[in-house]
Amino acid sequence: MNMGDTVNDVQKVDSHKHIGEDDVIGLLGDGVTAAILHHVVETNGCTKEDITEIKAVVKETQSLLRELENCGLIKIKGDTAEVTEKGRKFLEHLKEMSLARKVLPGD
């Protein structure tokens, strides 16, 4: 580590090893950020309960992203996630199952 290196630089290098809150926000994209901001604007501010719920969603998302990567369905690179070939096949399977449920008669 050079004298010019900062703690933030070290954290950036290690960020690919552990998905942090900042990485999750990056992976979730602008839509989720916009939804959170919209909620804050519409409610004229977040309550403590709102903040707790948002943190819970982020934490659950962190867990889900790690699980999807562990299963080989996505590959996380920096602040983006790419769907793997295995992930594409699984998504197609889910779409087929959803279509089958719509076509099959109900109980």
N, C-alpha and C. Protein backbone atom coordinates (compact mmCIF):
# COMPACT_ATOMS: atom_id res chain seq x y z
N MET A 1 0.85 -1.17 0.00
CA MET A 1 0.00 0.00 0.00
C MET A 1 0.90 1.23 0.00
N ASN A 2 0.66 2.16 -0.91
CA ASN A 2 1.42 3.40 -1.01
C ASN A 2 0.92 4.40 0.02
N MET A 3 1.76 5.41 0.28
CA MET A 3 1.37 6.46 1.21
C MET A 3 0.12 7.19 0.73
N GLY A 4 -0.08 7.26 -0.59
CA GLY A 4 -1.23 7.97 -1.16
C GLY A 4 -2.52 7.18 -1.11
N ASP A 5 -2.43 5.88 -0.84
CA ASP A 5 -3.64 5.06 -0.78
C ASP A 5 -4.49 5.46 0.43
N THR A 6 -5.78 5.39 0.25
CA THR A 6 -6.69 5.73 1.34
C THR A 6 -7.44 4.50 1.78
N VAL A 7 -8.11 4.62 2.89
CA VAL A 7 -8.94 3.52 3.38
C VAL A 7 -10.02 3.19 2.36
N ASN A 8 -10.59 4.21 1.72
CA ASN A 8 -11.63 3.98 0.72
C ASN A 8 -11.11 3.15 -0.44
N ASP A 9 -9.85 3.40 -0.85
CA ASP A 9 -9.27 2.61 -1.94
C ASP A 9 -9.18 1.14 -1.53
N VAL A 10 -8.78 0.90 -0.30
CA VAL A 10 -8.68 -0.48 0.20
C VAL A 10 -10.06 -1.12 0.23
N GLN A 11 -11.07 -0.37 0.68
CA GLN A 11 -12.42 -0.90 0.72
C GLN A 11 -12.92 -1.22 -0.68
N LYS A 12 -12.58 -0.38 -1.66
CA LYS A 12 -13.01 -0.63 -3.03
C LYS A 12 -12.41 -1.93 -3.55
N VAL A 13 -11.13 -2.16 -3.23
CA VAL A 13 -10.46 -3.38 -3.68
C VAL A 13 -11.15 -4.60 -3.09
N ASP A 14 -11.54 -4.53 -1.82
CA ASP A 14 -12.15 -5.66 -1.14
C ASP A 14 -13.64 -5.78 -1.38
N SER A 15 -14.26 -4.79 -2.03
CA SER A 15 -15.72 -4.78 -2.15
C SER A 15 -16.26 -5.96 -2.95
N HIS A 16 -15.45 -6.51 -3.87
CA HIS A 16 -15.96 -7.64 -4.65
C HIS A 16 -16.05 -8.91 -3.82
N LYS A 17 -15.41 -8.93 -2.67
CA LYS A 17 -15.44 -10.11 -1.81
C LYS A 17 -16.69 -10.15 -0.94
N HIS A 18 -17.23 -8.98 -0.62
CA HIS A 18 -18.40 -8.90 0.25
C HIS A 18 -19.34 -7.85 -0.30
N ILE A 19 -20.58 -8.20 -0.46
CA ILE A 19 -21.55 -7.26 -1.00
C ILE A 19 -22.01 -6.35 0.13
N GLY A 20 -21.69 -5.08 0.04
CA GLY A 20 -22.08 -4.10 1.04
C GLY A 20 -23.34 -3.37 0.63
N GLU A 21 -23.83 -2.50 1.52
CA GLU A 21 -25.04 -1.75 1.22
C GLU A 21 -24.88 -0.91 -0.04
N ASP A 22 -23.71 -0.27 -0.21
CA ASP A 22 -23.49 0.56 -1.40
C ASP A 22 -23.57 -0.28 -2.66
N ASP A 23 -23.00 -1.49 -2.61
CA ASP A 23 -23.04 -2.38 -3.77
C ASP A 23 -24.46 -2.80 -4.08
N VAL A 24 -25.24 -3.06 -3.05
CA VAL A 24 -26.63 -3.48 -3.26
C VAL A 24 -27.40 -2.37 -3.94
N ILE A 25 -27.23 -1.14 -3.48
CA ILE A 25 -27.93 -0.02 -4.11
C ILE A 25 -27.51 0.07 -5.57
N GLY A 26 -26.23 -0.11 -5.86
CA GLY A 26 -25.77 -0.10 -7.24
C GLY A 26 -26.40 -1.21 -8.05
N LEU A 27 -26.52 -2.39 -7.47
CA LEU A 27 -27.10 -3.52 -8.17
C LEU A 27 -28.61 -3.37 -8.34
N LEU A 28 -29.25 -2.78 -7.37
CA LEU A 28 -30.70 -2.62 -7.46
C LEU A 28 -31.08 -1.58 -8.51
N GLY A 29 -30.23 -0.62 -8.71
CA GLY A 29 -30.44 0.34 -9.78
C GLY A 29 -31.28 1.54 -9.40
N ASP A 30 -31.48 2.37 -10.41
CA ASP A 30 -32.17 3.64 -10.23
C ASP A 30 -33.62 3.47 -9.82
N GLY A 31 -34.28 2.41 -10.26
CA GLY A 31 -35.69 2.22 -9.94
C GLY A 31 -35.94 2.12 -8.45
N VAL A 32 -35.11 1.36 -7.75
CA VAL A 32 -35.28 1.21 -6.31
C VAL A 32 -34.95 2.51 -5.60
N THR A 33 -33.87 3.15 -6.04
CA THR A 33 -33.51 4.44 -5.44
C THR A 33 -34.64 5.44 -5.63
N ALA A 34 -35.20 5.48 -6.83
CA ALA A 34 -36.32 6.39 -7.11
C ALA A 34 -37.53 6.06 -6.24
N ALA A 35 -37.80 4.76 -6.05
CA ALA A 35 -38.94 4.36 -5.23
C ALA A 35 -38.76 4.80 -3.78
N ILE A 36 -37.55 4.65 -3.26
CA ILE A 36 -37.28 5.08 -1.88
C ILE A 36 -37.44 6.59 -1.77
N LEU A 37 -36.84 7.32 -2.71
CA LEU A 37 -36.94 8.79 -2.67
C LEU A 37 -38.39 9.24 -2.82
N HIS A 38 -39.14 8.58 -3.71
CA HIS A 38 -40.55 8.92 -3.91
C HIS A 38 -41.32 8.73 -2.60
N HIS A 39 -41.06 7.63 -1.93
CA HIS A 39 -41.73 7.35 -0.65
C HIS A 39 -41.42 8.44 0.37
N VAL A 40 -40.14 8.84 0.44
CA VAL A 40 -39.74 9.88 1.39
C VAL A 40 -40.45 11.19 1.07
N VAL A 41 -40.53 11.53 -0.22
CA VAL A 41 -41.20 12.77 -0.63
C VAL A 41 -42.69 12.70 -0.32
N GLU A 42 -43.33 11.59 -0.69
CA GLU A 42 -44.77 11.44 -0.50
C GLU A 42 -45.18 11.46 0.97
N THR A 43 -44.32 10.96 1.83
CA THR A 43 -44.65 10.90 3.26
C THR A 43 -44.07 12.08 4.03
N ASN A 44 -43.49 13.03 3.29
CA ASN A 44 -42.84 14.20 3.92
C ASN A 44 -41.78 13.78 4.93
N GLY A 45 -41.05 12.73 4.60
CA GLY A 45 -39.97 12.26 5.45
C GLY A 45 -40.21 10.84 5.90
N CYS A 46 -39.13 10.17 6.24
CA CYS A 46 -39.22 8.78 6.69
C CYS A 46 -39.36 8.72 8.20
N THR A 47 -40.18 7.82 8.64
CA THR A 47 -40.26 7.53 10.07
C THR A 47 -39.17 6.53 10.42
N LYS A 48 -38.95 6.32 11.68
CA LYS A 48 -37.98 5.33 12.13
C LYS A 48 -38.37 3.95 11.61
N GLU A 49 -39.67 3.67 11.58
CA GLU A 49 -40.15 2.37 11.08
C GLU A 49 -39.85 2.22 9.58
N ASP A 50 -40.03 3.31 8.82
CA ASP A 50 -39.72 3.27 7.39
C ASP A 50 -38.25 2.94 7.16
N ILE A 51 -37.39 3.61 7.91
CA ILE A 51 -35.95 3.39 7.77
C ILE A 51 -35.61 1.95 8.13
N THR A 52 -36.22 1.43 9.18
CA THR A 52 -35.99 0.04 9.59
C THR A 52 -36.41 -0.92 8.48
N GLU A 53 -37.57 -0.65 7.86
CA GLU A 53 -38.05 -1.51 6.77
C GLU A 53 -37.13 -1.43 5.56
N ILE A 54 -36.66 -0.24 5.21
CA ILE A 54 -35.75 -0.09 4.07
C ILE A 54 -34.46 -0.85 4.34
N LYS A 55 -33.92 -0.72 5.55
CA LYS A 55 -32.70 -1.45 5.90
C LYS A 55 -32.92 -2.95 5.84
N ALA A 56 -34.10 -3.40 6.26
CA ALA A 56 -34.41 -4.84 6.21
C ALA A 56 -34.46 -5.33 4.77
N VAL A 57 -35.03 -4.52 3.88
CA VAL A 57 -35.10 -4.89 2.47
C VAL A 57 -33.69 -4.97 1.88
N VAL A 58 -32.85 -4.00 2.21
CA VAL A 58 -31.47 -4.00 1.71
C VAL A 58 -30.73 -5.23 2.24
N LYS A 59 -30.91 -5.54 3.51
CA LYS A 59 -30.23 -6.70 4.10
C LYS A 59 -30.71 -8.00 3.44
N GLU A 60 -32.01 -8.12 3.23
CA GLU A 60 -32.56 -9.30 2.56
C GLU A 60 -32.04 -9.40 1.13
N THR A 61 -31.92 -8.26 0.47
CA THR A 61 -31.40 -8.24 -0.89
C THR A 61 -29.95 -8.67 -0.92
N GLN A 62 -29.16 -8.23 0.05
CA GLN A 62 -27.77 -8.67 0.14
C GLN A 62 -27.70 -10.19 0.22
N SER A 63 -28.53 -10.75 1.06
CA SER A 63 -28.57 -12.20 1.25
C SER A 63 -28.98 -12.90 -0.04
N LEU A 64 -30.01 -12.38 -0.69
CA LEU A 64 -30.50 -12.98 -1.93
C LEU A 64 -29.44 -12.91 -3.03
N LEU A 65 -28.76 -11.77 -3.15
CA LEU A 65 -27.72 -11.63 -4.17
C LEU A 65 -26.59 -12.63 -3.93
N ARG A 66 -26.17 -12.78 -2.68
CA ARG A 66 -25.11 -13.75 -2.36
C ARG A 66 -25.57 -15.16 -2.73
N GLU A 67 -26.82 -15.48 -2.41
CA GLU A 67 -27.35 -16.82 -2.70
C GLU A 67 -27.42 -17.06 -4.21
N LEU A 68 -27.89 -16.07 -4.97
CA LEU A 68 -27.95 -16.21 -6.43
C LEU A 68 -26.56 -16.40 -7.02
N GLU A 69 -25.58 -15.68 -6.47
CA GLU A 69 -24.21 -15.85 -6.96
C GLU A 69 -23.65 -17.21 -6.54
N ASN A 70 -23.92 -17.63 -5.31
CA ASN A 70 -23.45 -18.94 -4.85
C ASN A 70 -24.03 -20.07 -5.68
N CYS A 71 -25.27 -19.89 -6.15
CA CYS A 71 -25.92 -20.91 -6.99
C CYS A 71 -25.45 -20.84 -8.44
N GLY A 72 -24.69 -19.81 -8.77
CA GLY A 72 -24.20 -19.68 -10.14
C GLY A 72 -25.20 -19.07 -11.10
N LEU A 73 -26.25 -18.43 -10.58
CA LEU A 73 -27.26 -17.83 -11.46
C LEU A 73 -26.87 -16.43 -11.90
N ILE A 74 -26.05 -15.74 -11.09
CA ILE A 74 -25.55 -14.43 -11.46
C ILE A 74 -24.06 -14.36 -11.15
N LYS A 75 -23.38 -13.42 -11.77
CA LYS A 75 -21.98 -13.14 -11.50
C LYS A 75 -21.89 -11.66 -11.18
N ILE A 76 -21.42 -11.32 -10.00
CA ILE A 76 -21.31 -9.93 -9.59
C ILE A 76 -19.93 -9.41 -9.95
N LYS A 77 -19.93 -8.31 -10.71
CA LYS A 77 -18.69 -7.65 -11.11
C LYS A 77 -18.83 -6.18 -10.75
N GLY A 78 -18.11 -5.75 -9.73
CA GLY A 78 -18.20 -4.36 -9.30
C GLY A 78 -19.59 -4.05 -8.80
N ASP A 79 -20.22 -3.04 -9.41
CA ASP A 79 -21.57 -2.67 -8.96
C ASP A 79 -22.64 -3.14 -9.93
N THR A 80 -22.30 -4.16 -10.72
CA THR A 80 -23.30 -4.73 -11.63
C THR A 80 -23.36 -6.24 -11.43
N ALA A 81 -24.49 -6.79 -11.80
CA ALA A 81 -24.66 -8.24 -11.76
C ALA A 81 -25.02 -8.70 -13.17
N GLU A 82 -24.39 -9.76 -13.61
CA GLU A 82 -24.68 -10.33 -14.92
C GLU A 82 -25.32 -11.69 -14.73
N VAL A 83 -26.32 -11.98 -15.53
CA VAL A 83 -26.96 -13.28 -15.48
C VAL A 83 -26.07 -14.27 -16.22
N THR A 84 -25.81 -15.40 -15.60
CA THR A 84 -25.01 -16.44 -16.23
C THR A 84 -25.89 -17.27 -17.17
N GLU A 85 -25.27 -18.14 -17.93
CA GLU A 85 -26.04 -19.03 -18.81
C GLU A 85 -26.98 -19.90 -17.97
N LYS A 86 -26.49 -20.38 -16.84
CA LYS A 86 -27.33 -21.16 -15.93
C LYS A 86 -28.52 -20.32 -15.46
N GLY A 87 -28.27 -19.05 -15.16
CA GLY A 87 -29.33 -18.15 -14.73
C GLY A 87 -30.36 -17.92 -15.82
N ARG A 88 -29.90 -17.78 -17.07
CA ARG A 88 -30.82 -17.60 -18.20
C ARG A 88 -31.73 -18.82 -18.37
N LYS A 89 -31.12 -20.00 -18.27
CA LYS A 89 -31.91 -21.23 -18.41
C LYS A 89 -32.93 -21.34 -17.28
N PHE A 90 -32.52 -20.99 -16.07
CA PHE A 90 -33.43 -21.06 -14.93
C PHE A 90 -34.57 -20.06 -15.10
N LEU A 91 -34.27 -18.86 -15.59
CA LEU A 91 -35.30 -17.86 -15.83
C LEU A 91 -36.29 -18.35 -16.87
N GLU A 92 -35.81 -18.95 -17.93
CA GLU A 92 -36.70 -19.51 -18.96
C GLU A 92 -37.60 -20.59 -18.35
N HIS A 93 -37.02 -21.42 -17.49
CA HIS A 93 -37.80 -22.46 -16.81
C HIS A 93 -38.91 -21.83 -15.97
N LEU A 94 -38.57 -20.77 -15.23
CA LEU A 94 -39.57 -20.08 -14.41
C LEU A 94 -40.68 -19.49 -15.27
N LYS A 95 -40.30 -18.93 -16.41
CA LYS A 95 -41.30 -18.35 -17.32
C LYS A 95 -42.23 -19.45 -17.85
N GLU A 96 -41.66 -20.60 -18.20
CA GLU A 96 -42.47 -21.72 -18.69
C GLU A 96 -43.42 -22.21 -17.60
N MET A 97 -42.93 -22.29 -16.37
CA MET A 97 -43.77 -22.74 -15.25
C MET A 97 -44.91 -21.74 -15.02
N SER A 98 -44.62 -20.47 -15.12
CA SER A 98 -45.63 -19.43 -14.93
C SER A 98 -46.69 -19.53 -16.03
N LEU A 99 -46.25 -19.73 -17.26
CA LEU A 99 -47.17 -19.88 -18.39
C LEU A 99 -48.02 -21.13 -18.21
N ALA A 100 -47.41 -22.22 -17.75
CA ALA A 100 -48.14 -23.47 -17.54
C ALA A 100 -49.24 -23.27 -16.50
N ARG A 101 -48.94 -22.53 -15.44
CA ARG A 101 -49.95 -22.29 -14.40
C ARG A 101 -51.12 -21.48 -14.96
N LYS A 102 -50.84 -20.58 -15.88
CA LYS A 102 -51.91 -19.77 -16.47
C LYS A 102 -52.78 -20.60 -17.41
N VAL A 103 -52.17 -21.57 -18.09
CA VAL A 103 -52.88 -22.38 -19.07
C VAL A 103 -53.66 -23.52 -18.41
N LEU A 104 -53.09 -24.12 -17.37
CA LEU A 104 -53.73 -25.25 -16.71
C LEU A 104 -54.96 -24.79 -15.93
N PRO A 105 -56.01 -25.63 -15.91
CA PRO A 105 -57.20 -25.26 -15.14
C PRO A 105 -56.88 -25.19 -13.66
N GLY A 106 -57.57 -24.31 -12.95
CA GLY A 106 -57.36 -24.13 -11.51
C GLY A 106 -57.92 -25.29 -10.72
N ASP A 107 -57.64 -25.28 -9.43
CA ASP A 107 -58.12 -26.36 -8.55
C ASP A 107 -59.60 -26.25 -8.35
